[in-house]
């Protein structure tokens, strides 16, 4: 079920009414109802994918309890390994199986070996799997790090994993923030309802008016690159910047506002990123829940900046390449991530900051837009064709 669908406009008020005015303040019943509503919301696409959320929920619930009960660090690592392998295994199979098969075939072709028949699966990517697998992994990792005690309330934990406002497009919530909210009494607040309604309206404006309208032009140009030239691609890429922002930030605002209606506080996900004066500042403002997830669970475990200078720069690069692969099973996303890693490395090496704010804003906007070309293109060759057109035929 999409936020911008007729079904959701019916679904949301019904769930809201039952949650507050039928169940009242009965916390356990509210959690059960939110769990059922979330499964209905997610199962609207394909009920078969509910089994994946259910399995991830069961595995991480029991693994979390097991890790907390152990003292031996080796055994704790073993159970953490079970959680990480299970969740990443689900993600890898459904999102990357055919990508790796096709990449291997292409590699063999490039070295002169032709594969006559390729066995691949027609795998449908479950909506939101990239989000809820990361969310449940952070739960077990935080328990392992002794930042969180596991909950014995299975219903509350299952509702946390499948909480419908942020299930499909984030924010990717930390268990340390969201799980305690499922264990605490929620009170009806007219102020929260009003504020949430404003966020929802603004989110719909960004999605329907900004993103979808800009997308018409972007899709027209990027969907038919043979018939367009440099200036058109430049304009389409600028429109693309606002389409992506309107999509991601709009959905996040709808999610945050909807959660407010049910008494939950989700983290802020975007803070005017295109007003950033550097790429590092941009990534402190853009998709904050995801960028901080990669910081805490990939970048810091690699050593962060507490290592040699060369290793620190490598850690930055690896983190962004992995982030790019997370966004999609295509080499275009890997290059997009690598580009942003290179931008950050360049900023670390140069260390020069201009006193002219507008120049810094323009620089950041231009290099981020350049990387969006790879993010939007369907193939690497298509991206380079667009770049070539911009550089050779500006119009």
Protein backbone atom coordinates (compact mmCIF):
# COMPACT_ATOMS: atom_id res chain seq x y z
CA UNK A 1 0.00 0.00 0.00
CA UNK A 2 1.42 3.37 -1.00
CA UNK A 3 0.98 6.56 1.01
CA UNK A 4 -0.26 8.34 -2.10
CA UNK A 5 -3.02 5.82 -2.80
CA UNK A 6 -6.77 5.80 -2.34
CA UNK A 7 -6.49 2.68 -0.16
CA UNK A 8 -4.23 4.48 2.31
CA UNK A 9 -6.66 7.39 2.59
CA UNK A 10 -9.25 4.86 3.77
CA UNK A 11 -6.85 2.73 5.79
CA UNK A 12 -5.32 5.52 7.92
CA UNK A 13 -8.47 7.07 9.48
CA UNK A 14 -9.94 3.63 10.22
CA UNK A 15 -6.77 2.49 12.00
CA UNK A 16 -6.53 5.82 13.83
CA UNK A 17 -10.14 5.64 15.08
CA UNK A 18 -9.89 2.05 16.33
CA UNK A 19 -6.47 2.67 17.91
CA UNK A 20 -7.58 5.64 20.03
CA UNK A 21 -11.34 5.43 20.44
CA UNK A 22 -11.98 1.68 20.56
CA UNK A 23 -8.88 0.32 22.27
CA UNK A 24 -8.31 3.36 24.47
CA UNK A 25 -5.12 3.22 26.57
CA UNK A 26 -4.78 -0.56 26.65
CA UNK A 27 -1.12 -0.73 25.64
CA UNK A 28 -0.95 -4.43 24.78
CA UNK A 29 -4.10 -4.27 22.66
CA UNK A 30 -2.79 -1.18 20.88
CA UNK A 31 0.44 -3.00 20.03
CA UNK A 32 -1.45 -6.05 18.78
CA UNK A 33 -3.64 -3.83 16.64
CA UNK A 34 -0.65 -1.89 15.24
CA UNK A 35 1.00 -5.21 14.37
CA UNK A 36 -2.13 -6.42 12.53
CA UNK A 37 -2.56 -3.06 10.77
CA UNK A 38 1.10 -3.04 9.71
CA UNK A 39 0.83 -6.55 8.27
CA UNK A 40 -2.31 -5.54 6.36
CA UNK A 41 -0.49 -2.43 5.08
CA UNK A 42 2.53 -4.44 3.92
CA UNK A 43 0.59 -7.46 2.71
CA UNK A 44 -1.46 -5.23 0.40
CA UNK A 45 1.34 -5.62 -2.20
CA UNK A 46 1.87 -9.34 -1.82
CA UNK A 47 0.83 -11.28 1.28
CA UNK A 48 3.57 -13.87 0.64
CA UNK A 49 6.27 -11.37 1.61
CA UNK A 50 4.82 -11.20 5.13
CA UNK A 51 6.66 -14.44 5.82
CA UNK A 52 9.99 -12.62 5.37
CA UNK A 53 9.16 -9.98 7.98
CA UNK A 54 7.84 -12.68 10.29
CA UNK A 55 11.03 -14.76 9.97
CA UNK A 56 13.27 -11.74 10.52
CA UNK A 57 11.20 -10.82 13.57
CA UNK A 58 11.36 -14.28 15.14
CA UNK A 59 15.08 -14.74 14.48
CA UNK A 60 16.15 -11.38 15.90
CA UNK A 61 13.78 -11.58 18.88
CA UNK A 62 15.29 -14.84 20.10
CA UNK A 63 18.85 -13.95 19.06
CA UNK A 64 18.62 -10.71 21.04
CA UNK A 65 17.54 -12.57 24.17
CA UNK A 66 20.26 -15.18 23.65
CA UNK A 67 23.04 -12.59 23.26
CA UNK A 68 21.97 -10.78 26.43
CA UNK A 69 21.97 -14.03 28.41
CA UNK A 70 25.56 -14.91 27.53
CA UNK A 71 28.79 -13.72 29.12
CA UNK A 72 31.27 -15.49 26.86
CA UNK A 73 32.15 -13.01 24.11
CA UNK A 74 32.85 -15.74 21.57
CA UNK A 75 29.36 -17.17 21.99
CA UNK A 76 27.84 -13.69 21.85
CA UNK A 77 29.64 -13.08 18.54
CA UNK A 78 28.34 -16.38 17.22
CA UNK A 79 24.70 -15.38 17.80
CA UNK A 80 25.31 -11.90 16.43
CA UNK A 81 26.76 -13.60 13.34
CA UNK A 82 23.52 -15.63 13.04
CA UNK A 83 21.44 -12.44 12.99
CA UNK A 84 23.66 -10.57 10.54
CA UNK A 85 24.01 -13.51 8.14
CA UNK A 86 20.29 -14.24 8.21
CA UNK A 87 19.24 -10.65 7.49
CA UNK A 88 21.94 -9.95 4.94
CA UNK A 89 21.22 -13.33 3.39
CA UNK A 90 17.58 -12.38 2.84
CA UNK A 91 18.62 -9.02 1.41
CA UNK A 92 21.33 -10.51 -0.81
CA UNK A 93 19.10 -13.23 -2.24
CA UNK A 94 16.09 -11.07 -3.08
CA UNK A 95 17.94 -7.93 -4.11
CA UNK A 96 21.30 -9.04 -5.52
CA UNK A 97 21.10 -12.64 -6.70
CA UNK A 98 20.51 -11.91 -10.38
CA UNK A 99 22.79 -8.85 -10.22
CA UNK A 100 25.78 -10.96 -9.18
CA UNK A 101 24.94 -13.70 -11.71
CA UNK A 102 24.69 -11.18 -14.56
CA UNK A 103 27.88 -9.40 -13.44
CA UNK A 104 29.77 -12.71 -13.43
CA UNK A 105 28.52 -13.52 -16.92
CA UNK A 106 29.59 -10.08 -18.16
CA UNK A 107 33.02 -10.54 -16.62
CA UNK A 108 33.48 -13.89 -18.37
CA UNK A 109 32.32 -12.32 -21.63
CA UNK A 110 34.92 -9.56 -21.29
CA UNK A 111 37.74 -12.09 -20.94
CA UNK A 112 36.55 -14.00 -23.99
CA UNK A 113 34.47 -16.78 -22.49
CA UNK A 114 30.87 -17.06 -23.68
CA UNK A 115 28.28 -18.54 -21.34
CA UNK A 116 25.69 -20.31 -23.50
CA UNK A 117 22.95 -20.56 -20.89
CA UNK A 118 22.49 -18.52 -17.74
CA UNK A 119 20.32 -19.77 -14.93
CA UNK A 120 18.61 -16.95 -13.08
CA UNK A 121 15.50 -16.66 -11.00
CA UNK A 122 12.59 -14.38 -11.61
CA UNK A 123 12.82 -12.82 -8.18
CA UNK A 124 10.41 -10.08 -7.16
CA UNK A 125 12.06 -7.60 -4.80
CA UNK A 126 9.99 -7.35 -1.59
CA UNK A 127 9.11 -3.73 -0.84
CA UNK A 128 10.97 -2.28 2.13
CA UNK A 129 13.27 -5.26 2.69
CA UNK A 130 16.33 -2.98 2.69
CA UNK A 131 14.80 -0.96 5.52
CA UNK A 132 13.46 -3.55 7.92
CA UNK A 133 16.49 -5.86 7.65
CA UNK A 134 18.76 -2.97 8.64
CA UNK A 135 16.41 -2.00 11.45
CA UNK A 136 16.33 -5.48 12.98
CA UNK A 137 20.11 -5.89 12.58
CA UNK A 138 20.69 -2.68 14.52
CA UNK A 139 18.59 -4.19 17.34
CA UNK A 140 20.83 -7.24 17.79
CA UNK A 141 24.03 -5.24 17.24
CA UNK A 142 23.05 -2.73 19.94
CA UNK A 143 22.27 -5.60 22.35
CA UNK A 144 25.69 -7.08 21.59
CA UNK A 145 27.29 -3.68 22.28
CA UNK A 146 25.36 -3.47 25.60
CA UNK A 147 23.54 -0.34 24.46
CA UNK A 148 20.13 -1.99 24.74
CA UNK A 149 18.44 -4.68 26.77
CA UNK A 150 16.28 -7.11 24.76
CA UNK A 151 12.54 -6.88 25.20
CA UNK A 152 10.64 -9.96 26.37
CA UNK A 153 7.44 -8.56 24.85
CA UNK A 154 7.27 -10.33 21.48
CA UNK A 155 4.24 -8.34 20.28
CA UNK A 156 5.95 -5.02 21.00
CA UNK A 157 9.08 -6.16 19.18
CA UNK A 158 7.11 -7.46 16.18
CA UNK A 159 5.23 -4.15 16.01
CA UNK A 160 8.57 -2.30 16.10
CA UNK A 161 9.90 -4.32 13.15
CA UNK A 162 6.77 -3.87 11.01
CA UNK A 163 5.57 -0.41 12.14
CA UNK A 164 3.73 0.66 9.00
CA UNK A 165 4.50 4.43 8.84
CA UNK A 166 8.23 3.83 8.34
CA UNK A 167 8.25 0.26 7.07
CA UNK A 168 8.59 0.93 3.33
CA UNK A 169 10.79 4.03 3.02
CA UNK A 170 12.10 4.86 6.48
CA UNK A 171 13.30 6.58 8.52
CA UNK A 172 15.38 3.58 9.59
CA UNK A 173 14.74 3.80 13.31
CA UNK A 174 17.13 2.64 16.01
CA UNK A 175 15.76 0.15 18.48
CA UNK A 176 17.12 2.31 21.30
CA UNK A 177 14.66 5.03 20.26
CA UNK A 178 11.61 3.16 19.00
CA UNK A 179 11.34 -0.05 21.06
CA UNK A 180 10.92 1.82 24.39
CA UNK A 181 8.03 3.76 22.82
CA UNK A 182 6.20 0.47 22.16
CA UNK A 183 6.68 -0.45 25.82
CA UNK A 184 5.41 2.86 27.22
CA UNK A 185 1.86 4.16 27.49
CA UNK A 186 0.87 6.55 24.71
CA UNK A 187 -1.52 9.40 25.40
CA UNK A 188 -3.87 11.03 22.93
CA UNK A 189 -2.58 14.53 22.16
CA UNK A 190 -4.43 17.06 20.01
CA UNK A 191 -1.13 18.91 19.60
CA UNK A 192 0.54 15.80 18.16
CA UNK A 193 -2.40 15.17 15.84
CA UNK A 194 -2.30 18.76 14.56
CA UNK A 195 1.47 18.76 14.09
CA UNK A 196 1.38 15.33 12.47
CA UNK A 197 -1.34 16.46 10.07
CA UNK A 198 0.80 19.43 8.98
CA UNK A 199 3.77 17.14 8.36
CA UNK A 200 1.59 14.75 6.35
CA UNK A 201 0.22 17.59 4.21
CA UNK A 202 3.67 19.01 3.59
CA UNK A 203 4.96 15.53 2.75
CA UNK A 204 2.17 15.00 0.21
CA UNK A 205 2.95 18.41 -1.31
CA UNK A 206 6.61 17.48 -1.71
CA UNK A 207 5.73 14.08 -3.17
CA UNK A 208 2.77 14.90 -5.43
CA UNK A 209 3.46 18.52 -6.42
CA UNK A 210 7.26 18.69 -6.41
CA UNK A 211 8.57 15.17 -7.03
CA UNK A 212 5.88 13.80 -9.34
CA UNK A 213 5.71 16.96 -11.45
CA UNK A 214 9.49 17.17 -11.79
CA UNK A 215 9.49 13.45 -12.57
CA UNK A 216 7.43 13.99 -15.71
CA UNK A 217 10.22 16.03 -17.28
CA UNK A 218 13.00 13.81 -15.88
CA UNK A 219 11.39 10.62 -17.19
CA UNK A 220 10.82 12.20 -20.59
CA UNK A 221 14.50 13.09 -20.97
CA UNK A 222 16.19 10.15 -19.21
CA UNK A 223 13.80 7.71 -20.85
CA UNK A 224 14.77 8.82 -24.36
CA UNK A 225 18.37 10.01 -24.24
CA UNK A 226 19.00 9.61 -27.97
CA UNK A 227 16.72 12.56 -28.76
CA UNK A 228 18.14 15.07 -26.27
CA UNK A 229 21.26 17.20 -25.95
CA UNK A 230 23.42 18.87 -23.32
CA UNK A 231 21.25 21.73 -22.04
CA UNK A 232 18.22 19.47 -21.84
CA UNK A 233 20.19 16.95 -19.77
CA UNK A 234 21.43 19.72 -17.48
CA UNK A 235 17.88 20.91 -16.85
CA UNK A 236 16.59 17.36 -16.40
CA UNK A 237 19.34 16.61 -13.86
CA UNK A 238 18.48 19.75 -11.88
CA UNK A 239 14.84 18.66 -11.93
CA UNK A 240 16.03 15.20 -10.87
CA UNK A 241 17.68 16.66 -7.77
CA UNK A 242 14.34 18.01 -6.60
CA UNK A 243 12.45 14.90 -7.69
CA UNK A 244 14.67 12.68 -5.53
CA UNK A 245 14.50 15.08 -2.62
CA UNK A 246 10.73 15.45 -2.91
CA UNK A 247 10.29 11.68 -3.05
CA UNK A 248 12.53 10.75 -0.13
CA UNK A 249 11.86 13.72 2.12
CA UNK A 250 8.14 13.72 1.28
CA UNK A 251 7.73 10.07 2.23
CA UNK A 252 9.74 10.64 5.41
CA UNK A 253 7.52 13.55 6.44
CA UNK A 254 4.37 11.51 5.83
CA UNK A 255 5.87 8.70 7.93
CA UNK A 256 6.88 11.02 10.77
CA UNK A 257 3.50 12.77 10.73
CA UNK A 258 1.58 9.49 10.64
CA UNK A 259 3.62 8.14 13.56
CA UNK A 260 2.73 11.30 15.51
CA UNK A 261 -0.94 10.40 15.11
CA UNK A 262 -0.28 7.20 17.05
CA UNK A 263 1.90 8.77 19.74
CA UNK A 264 5.34 7.89 18.33
CA UNK A 265 8.32 10.14 17.64
CA UNK A 266 10.48 9.22 14.63
CA UNK A 267 13.81 10.86 13.90
CA UNK A 268 14.20 13.77 11.50
CA UNK A 269 15.45 12.43 8.18
CA UNK A 270 16.24 15.53 6.08
CA UNK A 271 17.46 19.01 7.04
CA UNK A 272 17.50 21.19 3.89
CA UNK A 273 20.41 19.28 2.32
CA UNK A 274 20.74 21.49 -0.76
CA UNK A 275 21.78 24.38 1.49
CA UNK A 276 24.97 22.49 2.40
CA UNK A 277 28.33 24.16 1.91
CA UNK A 278 30.24 20.88 1.49
CA UNK A 279 29.61 17.26 0.62
CA UNK A 280 30.29 16.17 4.20
CA UNK A 281 27.66 18.66 5.40
CA UNK A 282 25.29 17.37 2.74
CA UNK A 283 25.55 13.85 4.13
CA UNK A 284 24.86 15.17 7.61
CA UNK A 285 21.58 16.58 6.27
CA UNK A 286 20.49 13.97 3.69
CA UNK A 287 18.66 10.74 4.64
CA UNK A 288 20.05 11.11 8.15
CA UNK A 289 18.67 7.82 9.46
CA UNK A 290 20.51 5.90 6.71
CA UNK A 291 23.76 7.89 6.71
CA UNK A 292 24.06 7.57 10.51
CA UNK A 293 23.28 3.83 10.22
CA UNK A 294 26.21 3.35 7.87
CA UNK A 295 28.35 5.54 10.11
CA UNK A 296 27.58 3.53 13.26
CA UNK A 297 27.44 0.00 11.81
CA UNK A 298 29.91 0.11 8.89
CA UNK A 299 32.25 3.12 9.08
CA UNK A 300 33.04 3.01 12.83
CA UNK A 301 33.50 -0.81 12.97
CA UNK A 302 35.98 -0.45 10.08
CA UNK A 303 37.96 1.90 12.31
CA UNK A 304 36.44 5.24 11.39
CA UNK A 305 39.00 8.02 11.69
CA UNK A 306 40.80 6.37 14.62
CA UNK A 307 43.28 4.69 12.27
CA UNK A 308 46.05 5.82 9.93
CA UNK A 309 45.22 8.54 7.45
CA UNK A 310 45.27 6.20 4.44
CA UNK A 311 43.07 3.64 6.22
CA UNK A 312 40.66 6.41 7.29
CA UNK A 313 40.22 7.52 3.69
CA UNK A 314 39.73 3.91 2.63
CA UNK A 315 37.06 3.50 5.33
CA UNK A 316 35.20 6.51 3.91
CA UNK A 317 35.36 5.09 0.42
CA UNK A 318 34.24 1.57 1.43
CA UNK A 319 31.31 2.96 3.43
CA UNK A 320 29.96 4.92 0.49
CA UNK A 321 30.46 2.09 -2.00
CA UNK A 322 28.48 -0.21 0.31
CA UNK A 323 25.86 2.53 0.68
CA UNK A 324 25.60 2.77 -3.08
CA UNK A 325 25.09 -0.98 -3.43
CA UNK A 326 22.41 -0.82 -0.72
CA UNK A 327 20.42 1.63 -2.86
CA UNK A 328 20.12 -0.72 -5.82
CA UNK A 329 21.46 -3.80 -7.59
CA UNK A 330 23.18 -1.97 -10.43
CA UNK A 331 26.72 -0.79 -11.09
CA UNK A 332 25.34 2.74 -11.50
CA UNK A 333 24.59 2.81 -7.76
CA UNK A 334 28.06 1.50 -6.94
CA UNK A 335 29.61 4.31 -9.01
CA UNK A 336 27.26 6.83 -7.37
CA UNK A 337 28.46 5.71 -3.94
CA UNK A 338 32.10 5.69 -5.05
CA UNK A 339 31.79 9.24 -6.40
CA UNK A 340 30.50 10.52 -3.07
CA UNK A 341 33.32 8.69 -1.30
CA UNK A 342 35.82 10.39 -3.63
CA UNK A 343 34.20 13.79 -2.94
CA UNK A 344 34.67 13.31 0.81
CA UNK A 345 38.25 12.11 0.40
CA UNK A 346 39.01 15.18 -1.72
CA UNK A 347 37.56 17.46 0.97
CA UNK A 348 39.73 15.78 3.61
CA UNK A 349 42.88 16.13 1.50
CA UNK A 350 42.31 19.70 0.34
CA UNK A 351 41.03 21.10 3.66
CA UNK A 352 40.26 24.45 2.10
CA UNK A 353 36.99 26.19 2.75
CA UNK A 354 35.89 29.14 0.69
CA UNK A 355 34.68 32.27 2.46
CA UNK A 356 32.07 32.75 -0.24
CA UNK A 357 28.95 30.91 0.92
CA UNK A 358 27.21 31.04 -2.48
CA UNK A 359 30.26 29.54 -4.18
CA UNK A 360 30.34 26.70 -1.63
CA UNK A 361 26.63 26.07 -2.08
CA UNK A 362 27.02 26.04 -5.88
CA UNK A 363 29.99 23.66 -5.74
CA UNK A 364 28.12 21.19 -3.50
CA UNK A 365 24.97 21.34 -5.60
CA UNK A 366 26.89 20.75 -8.84
CA UNK A 367 28.93 17.75 -7.66
CA UNK A 368 25.93 16.14 -5.96
CA UNK A 369 23.91 16.64 -9.16
CA UNK A 370 26.69 15.06 -11.19
CA UNK A 371 26.45 11.94 -9.03
CA UNK A 372 22.65 11.88 -9.46
CA UNK A 373 23.22 11.18 -13.16
CA UNK A 374 24.51 7.72 -12.23
CA UNK A 375 21.80 7.28 -9.60
CA UNK A 376 19.05 7.82 -12.19
CA UNK A 377 20.56 6.18 -15.28
CA UNK A 378 19.54 2.63 -16.10
CA UNK A 379 23.10 1.64 -17.06
CA UNK A 380 26.66 2.89 -16.80
CA UNK A 381 26.89 3.39 -20.57
CA UNK A 382 23.74 5.50 -20.50
CA UNK A 383 25.17 7.68 -17.74
CA UNK A 384 28.37 8.27 -19.70
CA UNK A 385 26.34 9.11 -22.82
CA UNK A 386 24.52 11.79 -20.86
CA UNK A 387 27.77 13.18 -19.44
CA UNK A 388 29.32 13.22 -22.90
CA UNK A 389 26.30 15.10 -24.26
CA UNK A 390 26.56 17.69 -21.48
CA UNK A 391 30.28 18.25 -22.10
CA UNK A 392 30.21 18.25 -25.91
CA UNK A 393 26.82 19.70 -26.84
CA UNK A 394 25.67 22.11 -24.14
CA UNK A 395 23.03 23.54 -26.47
